[in-house]
Protein backbone atom coordinates (compact mmCIF):
# COMPACT_ATOMS: atom_id res chain seq x y z
CA MET A 1 171.98 -11.93 57.65
CA SER A 2 172.27 -15.49 56.36
CA LEU A 3 175.21 -16.30 54.15
CA PRO A 4 174.82 -17.64 50.58
CA ALA A 5 175.07 -21.35 50.07
CA ARG A 6 178.63 -22.51 49.52
CA SER A 7 179.63 -24.69 46.62
CA LEU A 8 182.96 -26.34 45.83
CA SER A 9 183.90 -23.34 43.74
CA GLY A 10 182.68 -20.80 46.33
CA TRP A 11 180.09 -18.09 46.30
CA HIS A 12 178.70 -16.90 43.03
CA PRO A 13 179.92 -13.37 42.23
CA ALA A 14 176.32 -12.12 42.28
CA ASP A 15 175.92 -13.47 45.82
CA VAL A 16 179.00 -11.54 47.00
CA LYS A 17 177.75 -8.36 45.32
CA ALA A 18 174.29 -8.81 46.85
CA ALA A 19 175.77 -9.41 50.30
CA VAL A 20 177.74 -6.16 50.03
CA GLN A 21 174.63 -4.30 48.92
CA LYS A 22 172.58 -5.77 51.76
CA ARG A 23 175.05 -4.16 54.12
CA GLY A 24 174.45 -0.78 52.51
CA GLU A 25 177.53 -0.50 50.28
CA THR A 26 178.44 -0.97 46.68
CA LEU A 27 181.54 -2.60 45.31
CA THR A 28 182.57 0.77 43.83
CA SER A 29 182.17 2.72 47.09
CA LEU A 30 183.96 0.01 49.09
CA ALA A 31 186.89 -0.03 46.64
CA GLU A 32 187.19 3.75 46.65
CA ARG A 33 187.07 3.84 50.44
CA HIS A 34 190.16 1.59 50.40
CA ASN A 35 191.85 3.79 47.78
CA TYR A 36 191.45 1.42 44.88
CA ASP A 37 190.02 2.00 41.44
CA ALA A 38 186.26 1.77 41.31
CA SER A 39 186.40 -1.52 39.36
CA TYR A 40 188.98 -3.28 41.60
CA LEU A 41 186.55 -5.27 43.75
CA ARG A 42 184.46 -6.25 40.73
CA HIS A 43 187.59 -7.85 39.33
CA ALA A 44 188.28 -9.63 42.63
CA LEU A 45 184.98 -11.44 42.22
CA THR A 46 186.26 -13.38 39.23
CA ARG A 47 190.06 -13.10 39.47
CA PRO A 48 192.47 -13.91 42.24
CA LEU A 49 193.23 -10.48 43.71
CA HIS A 50 194.41 -11.07 47.26
CA LYS A 51 193.87 -7.60 48.71
CA GLY A 52 190.46 -7.36 47.11
CA GLU A 53 189.46 -10.73 48.56
CA LEU A 54 190.61 -9.61 52.02
CA ILE A 55 188.62 -6.35 51.75
CA LEU A 56 185.45 -8.13 50.68
CA ALA A 57 185.74 -10.93 53.23
CA ALA A 58 186.46 -8.52 56.09
CA PHE A 59 183.52 -6.32 55.10
CA LEU A 60 181.19 -9.36 55.04
CA GLY A 61 182.61 -10.77 58.27
CA VAL A 62 183.86 -14.08 56.86
CA LYS A 63 187.21 -15.58 55.95
CA PRO A 64 188.29 -15.31 52.31
CA GLN A 65 188.37 -19.08 51.99
CA THR A 66 184.67 -19.14 52.85
CA ILE A 67 183.91 -17.11 49.70
CA TRP A 68 186.67 -18.56 47.48
CA PRO A 69 187.55 -22.11 48.70
CA ASP A 70 189.17 -22.82 45.37
CA ARG A 71 191.75 -20.04 45.98
CA TYR A 72 192.84 -21.24 49.48
CA ASP A 73 193.90 -24.50 51.11
CA ALA A 74 192.38 -25.95 54.27
CA ARG A 75 194.72 -23.87 56.40
CA GLY A 76 193.71 -20.61 54.75
CA ARG A 77 196.86 -20.20 52.62
CA ARG A 78 196.57 -18.97 49.02
CA THR A 79 196.73 -21.62 46.34
CA VAL A 80 196.43 -19.29 43.33
CA GLY A 81 197.79 -15.90 42.35
CA ARG A 82 201.16 -14.25 42.75
CA ARG A 83 201.37 -14.67 46.52
CA ALA A 84 200.82 -18.41 46.28
CA ARG A 85 203.67 -18.77 43.75
CA ALA A 86 206.00 -16.68 45.85
CA ALA A 87 205.48 -18.76 48.99
């Protein structure tokens, strides 16, 4: 499977959703399998939700910074969200 084109702001949410569906899952089923609310991963597409980003990236076989380069620095550390502020 080829990966969606990357822009400075990362993958478009529709590209992430389509990549998940191409692998035979839905955002809802993937979230529920990880014991999250059905809408959790949909929110991770547009909001910095670290655990959701990790779930989606792992499922797609890429690093989170590949999908959301604006949320991570060059070393893969978070630049946005609660974890980034705590570090």
